[in-house]
Amino acid sequence: MAKPPAGCAWCRDSWHNEIVKTGDETSRPGTTVTPIGARRRQAVIDATARCLALAGRELDCEFVLPPVRFDLKGCAAGMYRVRGETGEIRYNPWLFARDFSGHLATTVPHEAAHYIVDMLHGLRRTRPHGREWRRIMHLLGAEARATGGYDLDGVPVRRLRRFDYACACGRHSLTSIRHRRIQDRRRRYYCRRCGGELVYAGAPGAAPGPA
């Protein structure tokens, strides 16, 4: 199993987020950004398809457009995830509304590249933003940036309870969603530094469990 780049935790059931700083648009505190509508959503789907077509021409492959959804919320602008044998690309329509052209140029190729890497190599055989992904980003003419800053003014964000987990080298704070997946034995998460499996550490202040 390839280790991911330095950071905190990752999920073995491969999925990738991109956090991107939005553009110059502003919204007053307490107001809500209106998510992009049908016309712009179609433009995003078309841009995704163009990325796949470009990669297909350069690599002499055919990449079928996967399901594209606009159901992502919070600070992630985009995500490619695999459920079972099916991959899908998810976009955040609120963040796209704040900087539509910027996300077309960055988030769309970012997630398309994850999908292409999955089709070519399989996500479990590659680092999340490793050389295979960077190669595809270069091929698409996009900056190979893993993450960036973000501005959530007016963007719906869920506030989730957090739980302490530990590995051999330290502690990690996981959301209630990831905690529930682990407790239900549906997911395993691993430290990006030491590669050890994250183990529930109980209430704050409890001694870490074995990695």
N, C-alpha and C. Protein backbone atom coordinates (compact mmCIF):
# COMPACT_ATOMS: atom_id res chain seq x y z
N MET A 1 0.84 -1.20 0.00
CA MET A 1 0.00 0.00 0.00
C MET A 1 0.87 1.24 0.00
N ALA A 2 0.63 2.15 -0.94
CA ALA A 2 1.41 3.39 -1.02
C ALA A 2 0.99 4.33 0.08
N LYS A 3 1.97 4.96 0.74
CA LYS A 3 1.66 5.94 1.77
C LYS A 3 1.30 7.28 1.13
N PRO A 4 0.30 7.97 1.69
CA PRO A 4 -0.07 9.28 1.16
C PRO A 4 0.90 10.34 1.62
N PRO A 5 0.81 11.57 1.08
CA PRO A 5 1.72 12.63 1.48
C PRO A 5 1.51 13.05 2.91
N ALA A 6 2.49 13.80 3.45
CA ALA A 6 2.44 14.22 4.85
C ALA A 6 1.18 14.99 5.15
N GLY A 7 0.62 14.77 6.34
CA GLY A 7 -0.60 15.45 6.74
C GLY A 7 -1.22 14.73 7.90
N CYS A 8 -2.52 14.56 7.90
CA CYS A 8 -3.20 13.90 9.02
C CYS A 8 -3.68 12.51 8.63
N ALA A 9 -4.98 12.36 8.36
CA ALA A 9 -5.53 11.03 8.15
C ALA A 9 -6.12 10.90 6.76
N TRP A 10 -6.20 9.67 6.28
CA TRP A 10 -6.84 9.43 5.00
C TRP A 10 -7.63 8.14 5.09
N CYS A 11 -8.52 7.94 4.14
CA CYS A 11 -9.40 6.78 4.15
C CYS A 11 -8.97 5.79 3.08
N ARG A 12 -8.90 4.53 3.42
CA ARG A 12 -8.46 3.52 2.46
C ARG A 12 -9.45 3.37 1.32
N ASP A 13 -10.76 3.57 1.57
CA ASP A 13 -11.73 3.58 0.49
C ASP A 13 -11.61 4.92 -0.20
N SER A 14 -10.85 4.96 -1.28
CA SER A 14 -10.26 6.18 -1.83
C SER A 14 -11.28 7.27 -2.12
N TRP A 15 -11.01 8.46 -1.62
CA TRP A 15 -11.75 9.65 -2.00
C TRP A 15 -10.84 10.83 -1.79
N HIS A 16 -11.07 11.90 -2.56
CA HIS A 16 -10.17 13.04 -2.54
C HIS A 16 -10.95 14.33 -2.51
N ASN A 17 -10.54 15.23 -1.65
CA ASN A 17 -11.13 16.56 -1.58
C ASN A 17 -10.15 17.58 -2.13
N GLU A 18 -10.69 18.65 -2.65
CA GLU A 18 -9.87 19.81 -2.97
C GLU A 18 -10.48 21.01 -2.26
N ILE A 19 -9.67 21.71 -1.46
CA ILE A 19 -10.10 22.93 -0.80
C ILE A 19 -9.43 24.08 -1.51
N VAL A 20 -10.22 24.97 -2.07
CA VAL A 20 -9.69 26.03 -2.91
C VAL A 20 -10.22 27.37 -2.43
N LYS A 21 -9.35 28.36 -2.36
CA LYS A 21 -9.77 29.69 -1.97
C LYS A 21 -10.64 30.28 -3.06
N THR A 22 -11.74 30.89 -2.66
CA THR A 22 -12.65 31.45 -3.63
C THR A 22 -12.16 32.80 -4.09
N GLY A 23 -12.85 33.38 -5.06
CA GLY A 23 -12.40 34.62 -5.71
C GLY A 23 -12.80 35.87 -4.98
N ASP A 24 -13.02 36.96 -5.74
CA ASP A 24 -13.23 38.26 -5.15
C ASP A 24 -14.66 38.51 -4.69
N GLU A 25 -15.58 37.61 -5.09
CA GLU A 25 -16.96 37.84 -4.69
C GLU A 25 -17.07 37.81 -3.18
N THR A 26 -17.95 38.61 -2.62
CA THR A 26 -18.12 38.63 -1.18
C THR A 26 -19.59 38.51 -0.85
N SER A 27 -19.87 38.06 0.35
CA SER A 27 -21.24 38.04 0.85
C SER A 27 -21.21 38.47 2.30
N ARG A 28 -22.24 39.14 2.73
CA ARG A 28 -22.28 39.65 4.09
C ARG A 28 -22.46 38.49 5.05
N PRO A 29 -21.87 38.57 6.26
CA PRO A 29 -22.08 37.53 7.26
C PRO A 29 -23.57 37.36 7.50
N GLY A 30 -24.02 36.11 7.58
CA GLY A 30 -25.42 35.84 7.82
C GLY A 30 -26.21 35.64 6.53
N THR A 31 -25.64 35.99 5.39
CA THR A 31 -26.32 35.75 4.12
C THR A 31 -25.84 34.44 3.53
N THR A 32 -26.64 33.87 2.65
CA THR A 32 -26.30 32.59 2.06
C THR A 32 -26.06 32.75 0.56
N VAL A 33 -24.97 32.19 0.08
CA VAL A 33 -24.68 32.20 -1.34
C VAL A 33 -25.69 31.30 -2.06
N THR A 34 -26.17 31.73 -3.20
CA THR A 34 -27.07 30.92 -4.01
C THR A 34 -26.25 29.96 -4.85
N PRO A 35 -26.49 28.66 -4.75
CA PRO A 35 -25.69 27.70 -5.52
C PRO A 35 -25.93 27.87 -7.02
N ILE A 36 -24.98 27.44 -7.82
CA ILE A 36 -25.13 27.56 -9.26
C ILE A 36 -26.34 26.75 -9.73
N GLY A 37 -26.98 27.26 -10.78
CA GLY A 37 -28.17 26.62 -11.31
C GLY A 37 -27.87 25.65 -12.44
N ALA A 38 -28.93 25.25 -13.14
CA ALA A 38 -28.83 24.19 -14.15
C ALA A 38 -27.87 24.55 -15.27
N ARG A 39 -27.88 25.80 -15.74
CA ARG A 39 -27.04 26.18 -16.87
C ARG A 39 -25.56 26.06 -16.51
N ARG A 40 -25.19 26.59 -15.36
CA ARG A 40 -23.79 26.52 -14.95
C ARG A 40 -23.38 25.11 -14.55
N ARG A 41 -24.31 24.36 -14.00
CA ARG A 41 -23.98 22.96 -13.68
C ARG A 41 -23.66 22.19 -14.95
N GLN A 42 -24.41 22.44 -16.00
CA GLN A 42 -24.13 21.78 -17.26
C GLN A 42 -22.77 22.22 -17.80
N ALA A 43 -22.43 23.50 -17.61
CA ALA A 43 -21.12 23.99 -18.05
C ALA A 43 -20.00 23.27 -17.31
N VAL A 44 -20.20 22.97 -16.03
CA VAL A 44 -19.20 22.24 -15.25
C VAL A 44 -19.08 20.81 -15.76
N ILE A 45 -20.21 20.18 -16.04
CA ILE A 45 -20.19 18.82 -16.58
C ILE A 45 -19.46 18.80 -17.93
N ASP A 46 -19.76 19.80 -18.77
CA ASP A 46 -19.10 19.87 -20.08
C ASP A 46 -17.59 20.08 -19.93
N ALA A 47 -17.19 20.92 -18.96
CA ALA A 47 -15.76 21.14 -18.73
C ALA A 47 -15.08 19.87 -18.25
N THR A 48 -15.77 19.11 -17.41
CA THR A 48 -15.23 17.83 -16.95
C THR A 48 -15.04 16.88 -18.13
N ALA A 49 -16.05 16.83 -19.00
CA ALA A 49 -15.96 15.96 -20.18
C ALA A 49 -14.81 16.38 -21.10
N ARG A 50 -14.58 17.69 -21.23
CA ARG A 50 -13.47 18.15 -22.06
C ARG A 50 -12.12 17.72 -21.49
N CYS A 51 -11.99 17.75 -20.16
CA CYS A 51 -10.75 17.28 -19.53
C CYS A 51 -10.51 15.81 -19.86
N LEU A 52 -11.57 15.01 -19.77
CA LEU A 52 -11.43 13.58 -20.05
C LEU A 52 -11.11 13.35 -21.52
N ALA A 53 -11.72 14.15 -22.40
CA ALA A 53 -11.45 13.99 -23.83
C ALA A 53 -10.01 14.38 -24.16
N LEU A 54 -9.52 15.46 -23.54
CA LEU A 54 -8.13 15.89 -23.77
C LEU A 54 -7.15 14.81 -23.32
N ALA A 55 -7.38 14.29 -22.11
CA ALA A 55 -6.51 13.24 -21.60
C ALA A 55 -6.58 12.01 -22.50
N GLY A 56 -7.78 11.70 -22.99
CA GLY A 56 -7.94 10.55 -23.86
C GLY A 56 -7.15 10.68 -25.15
N ARG A 57 -7.16 11.89 -25.73
CA ARG A 57 -6.39 12.10 -26.95
C ARG A 57 -4.90 11.98 -26.71
N GLU A 58 -4.43 12.55 -25.61
CA GLU A 58 -3.00 12.54 -25.31
C GLU A 58 -2.50 11.15 -24.93
N LEU A 59 -3.35 10.37 -24.28
CA LEU A 59 -2.93 9.06 -23.77
C LEU A 59 -3.44 7.91 -24.63
N ASP A 60 -4.17 8.25 -25.69
CA ASP A 60 -4.74 7.23 -26.57
C ASP A 60 -5.62 6.26 -25.79
N CYS A 61 -6.48 6.84 -24.94
CA CYS A 61 -7.43 6.06 -24.14
C CYS A 61 -8.81 6.72 -24.27
N GLU A 62 -9.81 5.99 -23.84
CA GLU A 62 -11.15 6.57 -23.78
C GLU A 62 -11.62 6.58 -22.34
N PHE A 63 -11.95 7.75 -21.82
CA PHE A 63 -12.42 7.89 -20.45
C PHE A 63 -13.90 8.27 -20.48
N VAL A 64 -14.73 7.37 -20.00
CA VAL A 64 -16.17 7.61 -19.97
C VAL A 64 -16.50 8.55 -18.82
N LEU A 65 -17.31 9.55 -19.09
CA LEU A 65 -17.69 10.49 -18.05
C LEU A 65 -18.41 9.78 -16.92
N PRO A 66 -17.90 9.85 -15.68
CA PRO A 66 -18.58 9.20 -14.55
C PRO A 66 -19.77 10.05 -14.10
N PRO A 67 -20.58 9.55 -13.19
CA PRO A 67 -21.64 10.40 -12.63
C PRO A 67 -21.05 11.66 -12.01
N VAL A 68 -21.67 12.80 -12.29
CA VAL A 68 -21.24 14.08 -11.74
C VAL A 68 -22.37 14.63 -10.89
N ARG A 69 -22.09 14.90 -9.63
CA ARG A 69 -23.13 15.37 -8.70
C ARG A 69 -22.73 16.73 -8.14
N PHE A 70 -23.74 17.47 -7.72
CA PHE A 70 -23.53 18.79 -7.14
C PHE A 70 -24.14 18.82 -5.73
N ASP A 71 -23.69 17.87 -4.91
CA ASP A 71 -24.26 17.71 -3.58
C ASP A 71 -23.24 17.91 -2.47
N LEU A 72 -22.06 18.45 -2.81
CA LEU A 72 -21.00 18.63 -1.82
C LEU A 72 -21.22 19.94 -1.08
N LYS A 73 -20.99 19.93 0.22
CA LYS A 73 -21.14 21.13 1.04
C LYS A 73 -19.86 21.37 1.83
N GLY A 74 -19.80 22.53 2.50
CA GLY A 74 -18.68 22.83 3.37
C GLY A 74 -17.50 23.40 2.62
N CYS A 75 -16.28 23.07 3.09
CA CYS A 75 -15.06 23.70 2.57
C CYS A 75 -14.45 22.96 1.41
N ALA A 76 -14.98 21.80 1.03
CA ALA A 76 -14.45 21.06 -0.11
C ALA A 76 -15.11 21.53 -1.40
N ALA A 77 -14.30 21.97 -2.36
CA ALA A 77 -14.84 22.43 -3.64
C ALA A 77 -15.18 21.26 -4.55
N GLY A 78 -14.46 20.17 -4.40
CA GLY A 78 -14.70 19.01 -5.24
C GLY A 78 -14.23 17.74 -4.59
N MET A 79 -14.71 16.61 -5.07
CA MET A 79 -14.33 15.31 -4.52
C MET A 79 -14.51 14.24 -5.58
N TYR A 80 -13.52 13.37 -5.70
CA TYR A 80 -13.72 12.14 -6.46
C TYR A 80 -13.71 10.99 -5.47
N ARG A 81 -14.74 10.17 -5.52
CA ARG A 81 -14.79 9.05 -4.58
C ARG A 81 -15.27 7.79 -5.30
N VAL A 82 -14.92 6.67 -4.71
CA VAL A 82 -15.30 5.37 -5.24
C VAL A 82 -16.14 4.67 -4.20
N ARG A 83 -17.32 4.26 -4.63
CA ARG A 83 -18.19 3.45 -3.78
C ARG A 83 -18.36 2.09 -4.43
N GLY A 84 -17.79 1.08 -3.80
CA GLY A 84 -17.81 -0.23 -4.43
C GLY A 84 -16.96 -0.21 -5.68
N GLU A 85 -17.57 -0.46 -6.83
CA GLU A 85 -16.85 -0.46 -8.11
C GLU A 85 -17.13 0.80 -8.92
N THR A 86 -17.91 1.72 -8.36
CA THR A 86 -18.35 2.90 -9.11
C THR A 86 -17.70 4.16 -8.59
N GLY A 87 -17.10 4.94 -9.50
CA GLY A 87 -16.53 6.22 -9.13
C GLY A 87 -17.48 7.35 -9.52
N GLU A 88 -17.41 8.44 -8.78
CA GLU A 88 -18.23 9.60 -9.10
C GLU A 88 -17.49 10.87 -8.71
N ILE A 89 -17.79 11.95 -9.42
CA ILE A 89 -17.21 13.25 -9.11
C ILE A 89 -18.30 14.11 -8.49
N ARG A 90 -17.96 14.75 -7.37
CA ARG A 90 -18.91 15.62 -6.67
C ARG A 90 -18.33 17.04 -6.63
N TYR A 91 -19.18 18.01 -6.86
CA TYR A 91 -18.79 19.41 -6.80
C TYR A 91 -19.66 20.16 -5.80
N ASN A 92 -19.09 21.24 -5.27
CA ASN A 92 -19.79 22.08 -4.30
C ASN A 92 -20.42 23.27 -5.05
N PRO A 93 -21.74 23.28 -5.25
CA PRO A 93 -22.36 24.34 -6.05
C PRO A 93 -22.32 25.71 -5.39
N TRP A 94 -22.14 25.74 -4.06
CA TRP A 94 -22.04 27.03 -3.36
C TRP A 94 -20.68 27.67 -3.60
N LEU A 95 -19.61 26.87 -3.48
CA LEU A 95 -18.29 27.43 -3.73
C LEU A 95 -18.10 27.78 -5.21
N PHE A 96 -18.68 27.01 -6.10
CA PHE A 96 -18.62 27.36 -7.52
C PHE A 96 -19.33 28.69 -7.77
N ALA A 97 -20.38 28.96 -7.02
CA ALA A 97 -21.09 30.24 -7.19
C ALA A 97 -20.23 31.42 -6.78
N ARG A 98 -19.33 31.22 -5.84
CA ARG A 98 -18.49 32.32 -5.38
C ARG A 98 -17.36 32.64 -6.36
N ASP A 99 -16.89 31.65 -7.10
CA ASP A 99 -15.82 31.90 -8.07
C ASP A 99 -15.93 30.86 -9.18
N PHE A 100 -16.88 31.06 -10.05
CA PHE A 100 -17.21 30.04 -11.05
C PHE A 100 -16.03 29.79 -11.99
N SER A 101 -15.48 30.83 -12.58
CA SER A 101 -14.39 30.65 -13.54
C SER A 101 -13.15 30.06 -12.88
N GLY A 102 -12.89 30.47 -11.63
CA GLY A 102 -11.73 29.94 -10.91
C GLY A 102 -11.83 28.45 -10.68
N HIS A 103 -13.02 27.99 -10.30
CA HIS A 103 -13.18 26.57 -10.04
C HIS A 103 -13.23 25.75 -11.33
N LEU A 104 -13.71 26.35 -12.41
CA LEU A 104 -13.64 25.66 -13.70
C LEU A 104 -12.18 25.37 -14.07
N ALA A 105 -11.31 26.33 -13.74
CA ALA A 105 -9.90 26.22 -14.11
C ALA A 105 -9.09 25.35 -13.15
N THR A 106 -9.56 25.18 -11.92
CA THR A 106 -8.77 24.46 -10.92
C THR A 106 -9.46 23.19 -10.41
N THR A 107 -10.67 23.33 -9.89
CA THR A 107 -11.34 22.19 -9.27
C THR A 107 -11.71 21.12 -10.30
N VAL A 108 -12.20 21.55 -11.46
CA VAL A 108 -12.63 20.56 -12.46
C VAL A 108 -11.48 19.68 -12.93
N PRO A 109 -10.34 20.24 -13.37
CA PRO A 109 -9.23 19.35 -13.75
C PRO A 109 -8.67 18.55 -12.58
N HIS A 110 -8.72 19.13 -11.38
CA HIS A 110 -8.24 18.44 -10.18
C HIS A 110 -8.98 17.11 -9.99
N GLU A 111 -10.31 17.19 -10.02
CA GLU A 111 -11.10 15.98 -9.78
C GLU A 111 -11.08 15.06 -11.00
N ALA A 112 -11.07 15.65 -12.21
CA ALA A 112 -10.96 14.82 -13.41
C ALA A 112 -9.66 14.02 -13.39
N ALA A 113 -8.58 14.65 -12.92
CA ALA A 113 -7.29 13.96 -12.84
C ALA A 113 -7.34 12.79 -11.87
N HIS A 114 -8.03 12.95 -10.74
CA HIS A 114 -8.17 11.83 -9.81
C HIS A 114 -8.90 10.66 -10.47
N TYR A 115 -9.94 10.98 -11.21
CA TYR A 115 -10.70 9.92 -11.91
C TYR A 115 -9.82 9.23 -12.94
N ILE A 116 -9.06 10.00 -13.71
CA ILE A 116 -8.19 9.43 -14.75
C ILE A 116 -7.13 8.53 -14.12
N VAL A 117 -6.52 8.99 -13.02
CA VAL A 117 -5.52 8.16 -12.33
C VAL A 117 -6.15 6.85 -11.86
N ASP A 118 -7.37 6.93 -11.36
CA ASP A 118 -8.06 5.71 -10.92
C ASP A 118 -8.25 4.75 -12.09
N MET A 119 -8.66 5.28 -13.25
CA MET A 119 -8.88 4.43 -14.42
C MET A 119 -7.57 3.82 -14.92
N LEU A 120 -6.48 4.56 -14.83
CA LEU A 120 -5.20 4.09 -15.37
C LEU A 120 -4.44 3.19 -14.40
N HIS A 121 -4.46 3.54 -13.12
CA HIS A 121 -3.58 2.88 -12.17
C HIS A 121 -4.31 2.25 -10.98
N GLY A 122 -5.49 2.75 -10.65
CA GLY A 122 -6.14 2.35 -9.41
C GLY A 122 -5.67 3.22 -8.27
N LEU A 123 -6.59 3.78 -7.52
CA LEU A 123 -6.22 4.73 -6.47
C LEU A 123 -5.42 4.09 -5.35
N ARG A 124 -5.64 2.83 -5.09
CA ARG A 124 -4.93 2.19 -3.99
C ARG A 124 -3.46 1.94 -4.31
N ARG A 125 -3.09 2.08 -5.56
CA ARG A 125 -1.69 1.86 -5.95
C ARG A 125 -0.93 3.17 -6.08
N THR A 126 -1.57 4.29 -5.81
CA THR A 126 -0.94 5.59 -6.01
C THR A 126 -1.16 6.49 -4.81
N ARG A 127 -0.30 7.49 -4.67
CA ARG A 127 -0.51 8.52 -3.66
C ARG A 127 -1.63 9.45 -4.12
N PRO A 128 -2.39 10.03 -3.17
CA PRO A 128 -3.52 10.89 -3.56
C PRO A 128 -3.13 12.00 -4.53
N HIS A 129 -2.00 12.67 -4.28
CA HIS A 129 -1.55 13.73 -5.19
C HIS A 129 -0.09 13.47 -5.60
N GLY A 130 0.14 12.22 -5.96
CA GLY A 130 1.49 11.80 -6.32
C GLY A 130 1.84 12.10 -7.76
N ARG A 131 2.90 11.47 -8.23
CA ARG A 131 3.44 11.82 -9.56
C ARG A 131 2.46 11.48 -10.67
N GLU A 132 1.66 10.42 -10.51
CA GLU A 132 0.68 10.08 -11.55
C GLU A 132 -0.37 11.19 -11.69
N TRP A 133 -0.85 11.67 -10.54
CA TRP A 133 -1.85 12.75 -10.56
C TRP A 133 -1.23 14.04 -11.10
N ARG A 134 -0.01 14.35 -10.68
CA ARG A 134 0.65 15.57 -11.16
C ARG A 134 0.89 15.51 -12.67
N ARG A 135 1.21 14.33 -13.15
CA ARG A 135 1.40 14.17 -14.60
C ARG A 135 0.11 14.50 -15.36
N ILE A 136 -1.01 14.01 -14.87
CA ILE A 136 -2.28 14.27 -15.55
C ILE A 136 -2.64 15.75 -15.46
N MET A 137 -2.39 16.37 -14.31
CA MET A 137 -2.66 17.80 -14.17
C MET A 137 -1.84 18.60 -15.17
N HIS A 138 -0.58 18.23 -15.35
CA HIS A 138 0.28 18.91 -16.32
C HIS A 138 -0.27 18.71 -17.74
N LEU A 139 -0.71 17.50 -18.02
CA LEU A 139 -1.27 17.20 -19.32
C LEU A 139 -2.52 18.05 -19.59
N LEU A 140 -3.30 18.32 -18.53
CA LEU A 140 -4.52 19.11 -18.67
C LEU A 140 -4.25 20.61 -18.65
N GLY A 141 -2.98 20.98 -18.45
CA GLY A 141 -2.63 22.40 -18.42
C GLY A 141 -3.04 23.10 -17.16
N ALA A 142 -3.17 22.37 -16.05
CA ALA A 142 -3.61 22.93 -14.77
C ALA A 142 -2.50 22.85 -13.74
N GLU A 143 -2.53 23.76 -12.78
CA GLU A 143 -1.54 23.75 -11.71
C GLU A 143 -1.78 22.56 -10.80
N ALA A 144 -0.73 21.80 -10.53
CA ALA A 144 -0.84 20.59 -9.70
C ALA A 144 -0.78 20.96 -8.23
N ARG A 145 -1.81 21.61 -7.76
CA ARG A 145 -1.90 22.04 -6.37
C ARG A 145 -2.88 21.14 -5.63
N ALA A 146 -2.44 20.58 -4.50
CA ALA A 146 -3.30 19.65 -3.77
C ALA A 146 -4.41 20.39 -3.04
N THR A 147 -4.08 21.43 -2.29
CA THR A 147 -5.08 22.16 -1.52
C THR A 147 -4.73 23.63 -1.50
N GLY A 148 -5.65 24.43 -1.00
CA GLY A 148 -5.42 25.85 -0.84
C GLY A 148 -6.25 26.40 0.30
N GLY A 149 -6.29 27.71 0.43
CA GLY A 149 -7.13 28.32 1.44
C GLY A 149 -8.58 28.28 1.02
N TYR A 150 -9.47 28.75 1.88
CA TYR A 150 -10.88 28.76 1.53
C TYR A 150 -11.60 29.86 2.29
N ASP A 151 -12.71 30.28 1.75
CA ASP A 151 -13.54 31.33 2.33
C ASP A 151 -14.96 30.82 2.33
N LEU A 152 -15.53 30.63 3.51
CA LEU A 152 -16.84 30.01 3.61
C LEU A 152 -17.96 31.00 3.92
N ASP A 153 -17.72 32.30 3.74
CA ASP A 153 -18.78 33.28 3.99
C ASP A 153 -19.99 32.96 3.11
N GLY A 154 -21.13 32.73 3.75
CA GLY A 154 -22.35 32.47 3.02
C GLY A 154 -22.49 31.07 2.49
N VAL A 155 -21.54 30.18 2.81
CA VAL A 155 -21.58 28.81 2.33
C VAL A 155 -22.06 27.89 3.45
N PRO A 156 -23.06 27.05 3.20
CA PRO A 156 -23.56 26.15 4.25
C PRO A 156 -22.47 25.20 4.73
N VAL A 157 -22.28 25.14 6.03
CA VAL A 157 -21.27 24.27 6.62
C VAL A 157 -21.88 23.53 7.80
N ARG A 158 -21.73 22.24 7.81
CA ARG A 158 -22.22 21.46 8.96
C ARG A 158 -21.19 21.50 10.08
N ARG A 159 -21.64 21.70 11.30
CA ARG A 159 -20.77 21.64 12.47
C ARG A 159 -20.89 20.26 13.07
N LEU A 160 -19.81 19.50 13.00
CA LEU A 160 -19.83 18.11 13.43
C LEU A 160 -19.06 17.92 14.74
N ARG A 161 -19.57 17.03 15.57
CA ARG A 161 -18.85 16.64 16.77
C ARG A 161 -17.58 15.92 16.36
N ARG A 162 -16.52 16.07 17.17
CA ARG A 162 -15.24 15.46 16.84
C ARG A 162 -14.82 14.47 17.92
N PHE A 163 -14.06 13.46 17.51
CA PHE A 163 -13.64 12.39 18.40
C PHE A 163 -12.13 12.22 18.31
N ASP A 164 -11.51 11.91 19.45
CA ASP A 164 -10.06 11.73 19.51
C ASP A 164 -9.67 10.33 19.05
N TYR A 165 -8.69 10.29 18.14
CA TYR A 165 -8.09 9.03 17.72
C TYR A 165 -6.58 9.15 17.85
N ALA A 166 -5.91 8.01 17.92
CA ALA A 166 -4.47 8.01 18.11
C ALA A 166 -3.80 7.00 17.19
N CYS A 167 -2.53 7.29 16.90
CA CYS A 167 -1.69 6.35 16.17
C CYS A 167 -0.36 6.28 16.92
N ALA A 168 0.66 5.71 16.33
CA ALA A 168 1.95 5.56 17.00
C ALA A 168 2.64 6.89 17.21
N CYS A 169 2.32 7.89 16.38
CA CYS A 169 3.08 9.15 16.47
C CYS A 169 2.27 10.33 17.02
N GLY A 170 1.01 10.15 17.31
CA GLY A 170 0.26 11.29 17.84
C GLY A 170 -1.23 11.07 17.85
N ARG A 171 -1.94 12.19 18.01
CA ARG A 171 -3.40 12.16 18.07
C ARG A 171 -4.01 12.84 16.85
N HIS A 172 -5.26 12.45 16.57
CA HIS A 172 -5.99 13.01 15.44
C HIS A 172 -7.42 13.27 15.89
N SER A 173 -8.04 14.28 15.32
CA SER A 173 -9.43 14.61 15.62
C SER A 173 -10.28 14.28 14.40
N LEU A 174 -11.15 13.29 14.54
CA LEU A 174 -12.00 12.87 13.43
C LEU A 174 -13.44 13.32 13.66
N THR A 175 -14.15 13.60 12.58
CA THR A 175 -15.54 14.01 12.70
C THR A 175 -16.41 12.83 13.11
N SER A 176 -17.63 13.14 13.52
CA SER A 176 -18.58 12.10 13.91
C SER A 176 -18.89 11.16 12.76
N ILE A 177 -18.82 11.67 11.52
CA ILE A 177 -19.08 10.82 10.36
C ILE A 177 -18.03 9.73 10.24
N ARG A 178 -16.74 10.13 10.30
CA ARG A 178 -15.67 9.13 10.21
C ARG A 178 -15.67 8.21 11.43
N HIS A 179 -15.95 8.79 12.60
CA HIS A 179 -16.02 7.97 13.83
C HIS A 179 -17.06 6.88 13.67
N ARG A 180 -18.23 7.25 13.15
CA ARG A 180 -19.30 6.26 12.98
C ARG A 180 -18.93 5.20 11.96
N ARG A 181 -18.24 5.59 10.89
CA ARG A 181 -17.81 4.61 9.90
C ARG A 181 -16.85 3.59 10.49
N ILE A 182 -15.94 4.09 11.35
CA ILE A 182 -14.99 3.18 11.98
C ILE A 182 -15.70 2.24 12.94
N GLN A 183 -16.58 2.80 13.76
CA GLN A 183 -17.28 1.98 14.75
C GLN A 183 -18.18 0.94 14.09
N ASP A 184 -18.70 1.27 12.91
CA ASP A 184 -19.54 0.32 12.17
C ASP A 184 -18.71 -0.65 11.33
N ARG A 185 -17.37 -0.54 11.44
CA ARG A 185 -16.43 -1.40 10.71
C ARG A 185 -16.59 -1.26 9.19
N ARG A 186 -16.95 -0.05 8.74
CA ARG A 186 -17.07 0.21 7.30
C ARG A 186 -15.85 0.90 6.73
N ARG A 187 -15.00 1.48 7.58
CA ARG A 187 -13.82 2.20 7.12
C ARG A 187 -12.67 1.98 8.09
N ARG A 188 -11.47 2.15 7.55
CA ARG A 188 -10.26 2.25 8.36
C ARG A 188 -9.51 3.48 7.91
N TYR A 189 -8.97 4.22 8.87
CA TYR A 189 -8.22 5.43 8.55
C TYR A 189 -6.78 5.27 9.04
N TYR A 190 -5.86 5.90 8.31
CA TYR A 190 -4.43 5.71 8.58
C TYR A 190 -3.74 7.06 8.67
N CYS A 191 -2.73 7.13 9.53
CA CYS A 191 -1.94 8.35 9.68
C CYS A 191 -1.09 8.57 8.44
N ARG A 192 -1.04 9.82 7.97
CA ARG A 192 -0.22 10.12 6.80
C ARG A 192 1.27 10.23 7.13
N ARG A 193 1.60 10.35 8.40
CA ARG A 193 3.02 10.44 8.78
C ARG A 193 3.62 9.06 9.00
N CYS A 194 3.02 8.28 9.89
CA CYS A 194 3.62 6.98 10.25
C CYS A 194 2.96 5.81 9.53
N GLY A 195 1.79 6.02 8.93
CA GLY A 195 1.11 4.94 8.22
C GLY A 195 0.32 4.01 9.13
N GLY A 196 0.32 4.29 10.47
CA GLY A 196 -0.39 3.43 11.40
C GLY A 196 -1.90 3.64 11.37
N GLU A 197 -2.63 2.60 11.68
CA GLU A 197 -4.09 2.71 11.73
C GLU A 197 -4.51 3.56 12.91
N LEU A 198 -5.53 4.41 12.71
CA LEU A 198 -6.04 5.26 13.78
C LEU A 198 -6.97 4.45 14.68
N VAL A 199 -6.75 4.59 15.99
CA VAL A 199 -7.52 3.84 16.99
C VAL A 199 -8.22 4.83 17.90
N TYR A 200 -9.48 4.55 18.22
CA TYR A 200 -10.26 5.44 19.08
C TYR A 200 -9.58 5.59 20.43
N ALA A 201 -9.39 6.85 20.83
CA ALA A 201 -8.69 7.13 22.08
C ALA A 201 -9.64 7.44 23.21
N GLY A 202 -10.94 7.36 22.96
CA GLY A 202 -11.92 7.61 24.01
C GLY A 202 -12.10 9.09 24.28
N ALA A 203 -12.51 9.41 25.49
CA ALA A 203 -12.74 10.81 25.87
C ALA A 203 -11.45 11.57 25.88
N PRO A 204 -11.49 12.91 25.66
CA PRO A 204 -10.26 13.73 25.70
C PRO A 204 -9.49 13.48 26.99
N GLY A 205 -8.18 13.27 26.85
CA GLY A 205 -7.34 13.03 28.02
C GLY A 205 -7.06 11.57 28.26
N ALA A 206 -7.80 10.67 27.57
CA ALA A 206 -7.55 9.25 27.74
C ALA A 206 -6.24 8.86 27.08
N ALA A 207 -5.64 7.80 27.55
CA ALA A 207 -4.37 7.34 26.98
C ALA A 207 -4.62 6.76 25.61
N PRO A 208 -3.70 7.01 24.66
CA PRO A 208 -3.85 6.46 23.32
C PRO A 208 -3.83 4.94 23.33
N GLY A 209 -4.61 4.35 22.44
CA GLY A 209 -4.58 2.91 22.29
C GLY A 209 -3.44 2.50 21.39
N PRO A 210 -3.23 1.24 21.20
CA PRO A 210 -2.14 0.77 20.32
C PRO A 210 -2.44 1.13 18.89
N ALA A 211 -1.40 1.39 18.09
CA ALA A 211 -1.58 1.74 16.67
C ALA A 211 -1.94 0.51 15.88
